[in-house]
Structure formats: C-alpha cells, structure tokens
Amino acid sequence: MTKHFRVGGSAFATISRATVKAVAGADLAVDRGETLAVVGESGCGKSTLGRLLLGLMPPSSGRVMFDGHDLAGLGSPALRRLRARMQLVFQNPLQALDPRMSVGEQIVEPTVIHPAAGNRLPVADLLAQVGLDPALAGRFPHQLSGGQRQRVVIARAMATQPDFIVFDEPVSALDVSVQAQIIRLIRDLQTARGFASVFISHDLRVVRHVADRVAVMYLGRIVEEGPVRAVFAEPLHPYTQALIAAVPRLAPGMRRVRVVLKGEPPNPAAIPSGCPFHPRCPVAEYDCRTHAPARVAAGPARSVACIRVASGSTFLPAA
C-alpha cells in the first residue's frame, strides 16, 4: 500500500509540484486481540498509515482489507456500517474533544451516529470501564486533567464496541505515571474485549509494554517487523539498532552499543535512490546506494529490509 501527496508548485510560477511519498510501501496484517506497534521518527508516515488503515483516506495504490472487505470498494452505506467497528484514539485529547459538549454527550455521540452498532452501554458503565467516576459525565473537557481526558477519549472509542482501534500517540502528552495507567487500561480493555489494535508511537519504552509485534518505519517504508521481544533483544536493521540504542537503559546491566546516525532524515519529496537509509547508515556499502532492498524473512515471524542482512553480513552488534 502506498500514499502519495502532491505539494508545492504555483499557478503563477514555473515551480513544479513535488510528490511526497508518505507511505511508500506497507504490507501489514493485524489479528484479533493483537497489538501491532508502528514506530519511527517524526514524519516517517506513521499517522498517515493509521488513517489509511481506518479508511479515512484512500491509498494511492494497494488496498486495505478489513474482515474480508476492501474499504475502497465499499459504497457509502456499507462503509458507514463498517466504520462503527473501527475507531481512532487521537494524540491530543484536548483537541479531540469538543469544548462545548459535556463528557457524557461526547461519549454517547458515536452510538447516535451508528445506532445499529451492537449493544449500547450506559455512559456510566463506559466511564467505569476506563476507571473514571460516572459523576464526571456532566463535566466539560477543560475541567478534567490530561489523564482523565485521555480516558474519556478511550471510553468514546469503546462506545460502539469496535473490533479494531488505532491509537495515535495516545500517551505522548502525559507524564510517566499517567502513561503507565493508560497503558495498563488499554491492555486490560483489549484482554476483556478482544479487539485488534495498531499502536503508533515514537517511544520504544511504551511500545515494549503495550505491543505484541512491532513494525519499524523509515521514510514511509517498513524496514523491520517482528515480535517485540525478539526485535528488542536482537534488532537487525541498522535503523532499528539506532532507535533501541537511544532508549534509556531497559534493565540493570544490559549491554549497550552506541549507534550514531549522520544528519537528518531526507526530504520525503526527494527520497535517495537505493536504500533510503543509506545516507545515514553507519555500515552502508556501495550496493546500498543503488539497490532498494526488499523485505526478506529473518527468523520466525520476522522480516527486515536490508541488503547486508539478506546477504548474511555481520555488522552492528545487538544493543
């Protein structure tokens, strides 16, 4: 699946419009009850990927299949019915909530939009499920703390009893203690409800606790994917190794290898030839500049897009 955007240019100048390849080739699957984390630097295409998975924008190529249905091929009535089964939890809960509506009104709103979406749970029950006092239903977003607002957003997402939820940086604006509470809440709800989820984040400490599998994204491409424990224990792609090396120590006595990346991520409208990571890669060789690596199997349920891994070369030790 790909998603390209045309940007720049002017009707009064000779400047041509550039193409930004926000998602330059993603091939993913998420099972019921599973959490797939998508990680990478800011601007790598994580949030765009999340919106593609929900059908909020059409892909430039490829397709999104949800429970056997191609989202792009559905008519408006069928897509509307299917939307009740998928939800998005936004990064900034204060912006995601309407300041003019009470908490209770906003939590019940999805069931008003989708009246046929399963059994309606009372607002008090939804608030209780996310650890909030039902008495808060009459308050407005500005009267709540950041953690309470995020719980309200999660309660609203759970109102239609969805089968799939995309969490877009849901704890990035919260302090560490509140982050732990929200992560525990998400895991508990998933265990109880059995929904599938995609957890978008740049914080690998959070990902390590919330996800079953992880996909590492760079310039719109998935460069490594696998079970969280396996990827953290032995990252294979140089970019993954750099990300994990930058995480504060995960356990006392853990061996750490410092990985220094050169420069900044390239302009997504001018992606380098060959492997897009090669200008920053500490172990790049000539072939990396001319050949775009395909993702290959690299162990049980693992894949990686790196010429050196595919050829069996040994390079950076595990972080």
Protein backbone atom coordinates (compact mmCIF):
# COMPACT_ATOMS: atom_id res chain seq x y z
CA MET A 1 0.00 0.00 0.00
CA THR A 2 1.23 3.49 -0.84
CA LYS A 3 0.04 7.05 -0.25
CA HIS A 4 1.46 9.96 -2.20
CA PHE A 5 0.69 13.67 -1.84
CA ARG A 6 1.33 16.40 -4.40
CA VAL A 7 2.73 19.50 -2.70
CA GLY A 8 4.21 22.87 -3.63
CA GLY A 9 4.03 24.50 -7.03
CA SER A 10 2.20 27.63 -8.06
CA ALA A 11 -0.17 28.69 -10.79
CA PHE A 12 1.86 31.90 -11.23
CA ALA A 13 5.33 30.35 -11.37
CA THR A 14 7.23 27.65 -13.18
CA ILE A 15 7.89 25.73 -9.96
CA SER A 16 6.66 22.18 -10.43
CA ARG A 17 4.78 20.29 -7.77
CA ALA A 18 6.67 17.66 -5.82
CA THR A 19 5.40 14.26 -4.76
CA VAL A 20 5.71 13.31 -1.10
CA LYS A 21 5.67 9.55 -0.62
CA ALA A 22 4.20 9.50 2.88
CA VAL A 23 3.69 5.72 2.72
CA ALA A 24 5.97 4.17 0.14
CA GLY A 25 5.06 0.52 0.53
CA ALA A 26 3.46 -1.03 3.61
CA ASP A 27 2.36 -4.65 3.88
CA LEU A 28 0.90 -5.46 7.29
CA ALA A 29 -1.60 -7.75 8.97
CA VAL A 30 -3.16 -7.46 12.43
CA ASP A 31 -5.06 -10.31 14.08
CA ARG A 32 -7.94 -10.10 16.54
CA GLY A 33 -6.70 -9.49 20.08
CA GLU A 34 -3.26 -8.43 18.86
CA THR A 35 -1.44 -5.10 19.17
CA LEU A 36 0.93 -4.07 16.39
CA ALA A 37 3.14 -1.09 17.23
CA VAL A 38 4.34 1.20 14.44
CA VAL A 39 7.44 3.15 15.45
CA GLY A 40 9.81 5.62 13.83
CA GLU A 41 10.96 9.22 13.83
CA SER A 42 8.53 12.10 13.39
CA GLY A 43 7.49 12.49 9.77
CA CYS A 44 8.09 8.87 8.79
CA GLY A 45 4.44 8.30 7.84
CA LYS A 46 3.10 6.56 10.96
CA SER A 47 -0.04 8.68 11.37
CA THR A 48 -0.79 8.60 7.64
CA LEU A 49 -0.57 4.81 7.78
CA GLY A 50 -3.01 4.75 10.68
CA ARG A 51 -5.55 6.83 8.78
CA LEU A 52 -5.18 4.62 5.72
CA LEU A 53 -5.91 1.55 7.84
CA LEU A 54 -9.16 3.17 9.02
CA GLY A 55 -10.23 4.17 5.52
CA LEU A 56 -10.11 7.87 6.40
CA MET A 57 -8.17 8.48 3.17
CA PRO A 58 -7.81 6.32 0.05
CA PRO A 59 -4.43 4.73 -0.74
CA SER A 60 -2.62 5.78 -3.92
CA SER A 61 -2.08 2.09 -4.67
CA GLY A 62 -2.80 -1.17 -2.92
CA ARG A 63 -5.79 -1.82 -0.72
CA VAL A 64 -6.92 -2.07 2.89
CA MET A 65 -8.82 -5.22 3.83
CA PHE A 66 -10.95 -5.25 6.97
CA ASP A 67 -12.52 -8.58 7.90
CA GLY A 68 -12.54 -9.58 4.23
CA HIS A 69 -13.89 -6.25 2.94
CA ASP A 70 -11.90 -3.92 0.68
CA LEU A 71 -12.57 -0.48 2.19
CA ALA A 72 -12.05 1.34 -1.12
CA GLY A 73 -14.57 -0.90 -2.87
CA LEU A 74 -17.43 -0.33 -0.44
CA GLY A 75 -20.29 2.02 -1.11
CA SER A 76 -21.14 4.76 1.36
CA PRO A 77 -23.86 2.84 3.30
CA ALA A 78 -21.72 -0.30 3.66
CA LEU A 79 -18.64 1.71 4.65
CA ARG A 80 -20.67 3.65 7.21
CA ARG A 81 -21.84 0.41 8.81
CA LEU A 82 -18.29 -0.90 8.88
CA ARG A 83 -16.92 2.29 10.44
CA ALA A 84 -18.73 1.52 13.69
CA ARG A 85 -16.35 -1.44 14.08
CA MET A 86 -13.19 0.69 13.87
CA GLN A 87 -12.14 3.69 15.95
CA LEU A 88 -9.28 6.17 16.34
CA VAL A 89 -7.83 7.42 19.64
CA PHE A 90 -6.14 10.76 18.97
CA GLN A 91 -2.81 12.02 20.25
CA ASN A 92 -4.08 15.21 21.89
CA PRO A 93 -7.28 14.53 23.87
CA LEU A 94 -7.98 18.22 24.47
CA GLN A 95 -8.13 18.87 20.73
CA ALA A 96 -10.07 15.64 20.13
CA LEU A 97 -12.87 16.69 22.47
CA ASP A 98 -15.46 19.40 21.76
CA PRO A 99 -15.18 22.09 24.49
CA ARG A 100 -18.89 22.91 24.09
CA MET A 101 -20.15 19.40 24.86
CA SER A 102 -20.15 17.57 28.17
CA VAL A 103 -18.15 14.39 28.66
CA GLY A 104 -21.29 12.27 28.67
CA GLU A 105 -22.61 13.79 25.45
CA GLN A 106 -19.34 13.09 23.66
CA ILE A 107 -19.06 9.52 24.88
CA VAL A 108 -22.56 8.67 23.65
CA GLU A 109 -22.16 10.51 20.32
CA PRO A 110 -20.72 7.50 18.36
CA THR A 111 -23.80 5.42 19.24
CA VAL A 112 -26.01 8.23 17.93
CA ILE A 113 -24.07 8.28 14.65
CA HIS A 114 -24.09 4.47 14.47
CA PRO A 115 -27.39 3.44 16.08
CA ALA A 116 -27.07 -0.20 14.93
CA ALA A 117 -23.60 -0.70 16.43
CA GLY A 118 -24.02 -3.55 18.88
CA ASN A 119 -25.41 -3.17 22.38
CA ARG A 120 -25.37 0.33 23.77
CA LEU A 121 -23.67 0.61 27.13
CA PRO A 122 -24.73 3.39 29.52
CA VAL A 123 -22.32 6.30 29.81
CA ALA A 124 -21.80 5.44 33.47
CA ASP A 125 -20.66 1.93 32.53
CA LEU A 126 -18.25 3.23 29.88
CA LEU A 127 -16.76 5.71 32.33
CA ALA A 128 -16.39 2.98 34.94
CA GLN A 129 -14.65 0.72 32.41
CA VAL A 130 -11.92 3.32 31.89
CA GLY A 131 -11.56 4.00 35.61
CA LEU A 132 -13.49 7.26 35.86
CA ASP A 133 -16.21 8.31 38.27
CA PRO A 134 -19.60 8.30 36.46
CA ALA A 135 -20.27 11.66 38.12
CA LEU A 136 -17.79 13.21 35.63
CA ALA A 137 -20.30 12.74 32.80
CA GLY A 138 -21.66 16.24 33.34
CA ARG A 139 -18.29 17.98 33.24
CA PHE A 140 -16.60 19.63 30.27
CA PRO A 141 -13.13 18.74 28.87
CA HIS A 142 -11.39 21.79 30.35
CA GLN A 143 -12.48 20.65 33.83
CA LEU A 144 -10.55 17.38 33.57
CA SER A 145 -6.87 16.52 33.86
CA GLY A 146 -4.86 15.25 30.87
CA GLY A 147 -5.11 11.65 32.02
CA GLN A 148 -8.87 11.93 32.59
CA ARG A 149 -9.37 13.43 29.12
CA GLN A 150 -7.45 10.59 27.52
CA ARG A 151 -9.62 8.07 29.39
CA VAL A 152 -12.71 9.88 28.08
CA VAL A 153 -11.40 9.61 24.50
CA ILE A 154 -10.82 5.88 25.03
CA ALA A 155 -14.32 5.48 26.52
CA ARG A 156 -15.78 7.23 23.47
CA ALA A 157 -13.84 4.89 21.18
CA MET A 158 -15.20 1.88 23.09
CA ALA A 159 -18.83 3.06 22.87
CA THR A 160 -19.55 1.16 19.63
CA GLN A 161 -17.68 -1.94 20.86
CA PRO A 162 -15.20 -1.83 17.94
CA ASP A 163 -13.16 -4.71 16.55
CA PHE A 164 -10.19 -2.51 15.58
CA ILE A 165 -8.69 0.61 17.17
CA VAL A 166 -5.79 2.80 16.04
CA PHE A 167 -4.04 4.51 18.96
CA ASP A 168 -2.13 7.51 17.56
CA GLU A 169 0.48 8.53 20.15
CA PRO A 170 -2.11 8.19 22.95
CA VAL A 171 0.29 8.79 25.85
CA SER A 172 2.90 11.16 24.39
CA ALA A 173 1.39 14.24 26.11
CA LEU A 174 1.13 12.58 29.54
CA ASP A 175 3.64 12.28 32.36
CA VAL A 176 5.24 8.91 33.07
CA SER A 177 2.98 7.86 35.95
CA VAL A 178 -0.18 8.61 33.95
CA GLN A 179 1.33 6.87 30.89
CA ALA A 180 1.63 3.68 32.91
CA GLN A 181 -2.02 3.90 33.95
CA ILE A 182 -3.25 4.43 30.37
CA ILE A 183 -1.10 1.57 29.04
CA ARG A 184 -2.48 -0.75 31.71
CA LEU A 185 -6.00 0.39 30.85
CA ILE A 186 -5.51 -0.31 27.14
CA ARG A 187 -4.15 -3.79 27.82
CA ASP A 188 -6.99 -4.60 30.23
CA LEU A 189 -9.65 -3.42 27.77
CA GLN A 190 -8.09 -5.43 24.96
CA THR A 191 -8.00 -8.55 27.10
CA ALA A 192 -11.66 -8.07 28.02
CA ARG A 193 -12.94 -7.05 24.57
CA GLY A 194 -10.53 -8.89 22.24
CA PHE A 195 -10.18 -6.05 19.71
CA ALA A 196 -7.20 -5.70 17.37
CA SER A 197 -5.15 -2.51 17.57
CA VAL A 198 -2.36 -0.55 15.95
CA PHE A 199 -0.35 1.49 18.45
CA ILE A 200 1.54 4.39 16.82
CA SER A 201 4.40 5.75 18.89
CA HIS A 202 7.95 7.07 18.86
CA ASP A 203 8.55 5.97 22.46
CA LEU A 204 10.02 2.46 22.45
CA ARG A 205 9.72 2.18 26.22
CA VAL A 206 5.95 2.37 25.88
CA VAL A 207 5.91 0.02 22.89
CA ARG A 208 7.83 -2.61 24.83
CA HIS A 209 5.00 -2.84 27.37
CA VAL A 210 1.92 -2.48 25.19
CA ALA A 211 2.61 -4.31 21.90
CA ASP A 212 2.85 -7.90 20.74
CA ARG A 213 4.60 -7.09 17.45
CA VAL A 214 6.45 -4.04 16.20
CA ALA A 215 6.92 -2.57 12.71
CA VAL A 216 9.76 -0.05 12.31
CA MET A 217 9.03 2.65 9.73
CA TYR A 218 11.51 4.88 7.90
CA LEU A 219 10.52 7.37 5.18
CA GLY A 220 7.23 5.61 4.56
CA ARG A 221 8.71 2.10 4.40
CA ILE A 222 8.57 -0.78 6.87
CA VAL A 223 12.24 -1.68 7.36
CA GLU A 224 11.82 -4.30 10.10
CA GLU A 225 8.96 -6.22 11.65
CA GLY A 226 8.71 -8.92 14.27
CA PRO A 227 7.71 -9.87 17.82
CA VAL A 228 8.52 -7.11 20.30
CA ARG A 229 10.77 -9.26 22.49
CA ALA A 230 12.77 -10.59 19.55
CA VAL A 231 13.26 -7.16 17.95
CA PHE A 232 14.31 -5.54 21.23
CA ALA A 233 16.66 -8.40 22.09
CA GLU A 234 18.32 -8.52 18.66
CA PRO A 235 17.48 -5.65 16.30
CA LEU A 236 18.65 -6.47 12.77
CA HIS A 237 18.24 -3.30 10.72
CA PRO A 238 20.81 -0.53 11.46
CA TYR A 239 17.98 1.97 11.90
CA THR A 240 16.22 -0.25 14.44
CA GLN A 241 19.51 -0.67 16.29
CA ALA A 242 19.92 3.10 16.45
CA LEU A 243 16.40 3.59 17.80
CA ILE A 244 16.83 0.96 20.51
CA ALA A 245 20.30 2.23 21.43
CA ALA A 246 18.74 5.66 22.11
CA VAL A 247 16.25 4.24 24.64
CA PRO A 248 17.24 4.75 28.31
CA ARG A 249 18.57 1.56 29.87
CA LEU A 250 15.82 -1.04 29.89
CA ALA A 251 17.31 -3.29 32.58
CA PRO A 252 20.28 -3.12 35.01
CA GLY A 253 23.43 -4.50 33.46
CA MET A 254 22.07 -4.50 29.90
CA ARG A 255 24.89 -4.21 27.37
CA ARG A 256 24.56 -1.10 25.27
CA VAL A 257 26.22 -0.16 21.99
CA ARG A 258 26.03 3.46 20.94
CA VAL A 259 24.87 3.94 17.35
CA VAL A 260 25.33 7.41 15.86
CA LEU A 261 23.28 8.35 12.81
CA LYS A 262 24.57 11.02 10.45
CA GLY A 263 22.41 14.04 9.64
CA GLU A 264 18.65 14.34 9.48
CA PRO A 265 16.07 12.24 7.65
CA PRO A 266 15.99 13.16 3.93
CA ASN A 267 13.22 15.20 2.37
CA PRO A 268 10.32 12.78 1.72
CA ALA A 269 9.78 14.56 -1.60
CA ALA A 270 13.35 13.64 -2.64
CA ILE A 271 13.97 10.16 -1.27
CA PRO A 272 17.51 8.90 -2.03
CA SER A 273 18.00 6.14 -4.57
CA GLY A 274 18.67 2.61 -3.43
CA CYS A 275 18.10 2.09 0.27
CA PRO A 276 16.54 5.32 1.60
CA PHE A 277 18.50 4.91 4.83
CA HIS A 278 21.95 4.67 3.23
CA PRO A 279 22.96 8.39 3.61
CA ARG A 280 22.69 7.99 7.42
CA CYS A 281 23.62 4.34 7.79
CA PRO A 282 26.93 3.72 9.63
CA VAL A 283 27.55 0.48 7.71
CA ALA A 284 26.28 1.38 4.22
CA GLU A 285 28.19 -0.03 1.26
CA TYR A 286 28.11 0.71 -2.46
CA ASP A 287 25.21 -1.60 -3.26
CA CYS A 288 23.08 0.21 -0.69
CA ARG A 289 23.18 3.31 -2.89
CA THR A 290 21.95 1.54 -6.00
CA HIS A 291 19.65 -1.28 -4.86
CA ALA A 292 16.42 -0.82 -2.91
CA PRO A 293 16.23 -3.78 -0.53
CA ALA A 294 13.10 -5.89 -0.36
CA ARG A 295 11.84 -7.21 2.96
CA VAL A 296 13.04 -10.76 3.50
CA ALA A 297 12.35 -13.33 6.19
CA ALA A 298 14.86 -13.10 9.04
CA GLY A 299 13.69 -15.68 11.54
CA PRO A 300 10.38 -16.83 12.99
CA ALA A 301 7.69 -14.21 12.21
CA ARG A 302 10.41 -11.64 11.41
CA SER A 303 11.30 -9.66 8.30
CA VAL A 304 13.85 -6.97 7.51
CA ALA A 305 14.68 -4.77 4.50
CA CYS A 306 18.48 -4.59 4.45
CA ILE A 307 20.95 -5.79 1.83
CA ARG A 308 23.51 -6.75 4.44
CA VAL A 309 21.06 -8.85 6.42
CA ALA A 310 19.87 -10.56 3.23
CA SER A 311 23.46 -11.38 2.25
CA GLY A 312 24.28 -12.72 5.72
CA SER A 313 26.81 -9.98 6.52
CA THR A 314 27.64 -9.30 10.15
CA PHE A 315 27.66 -5.70 11.25
CA LEU A 316 26.46 -3.87 14.35
CA PRO A 317 26.15 -5.97 17.50
CA ALA A 318 22.78 -6.11 19.22
CA ALA A 319 22.05 -3.14 21.51
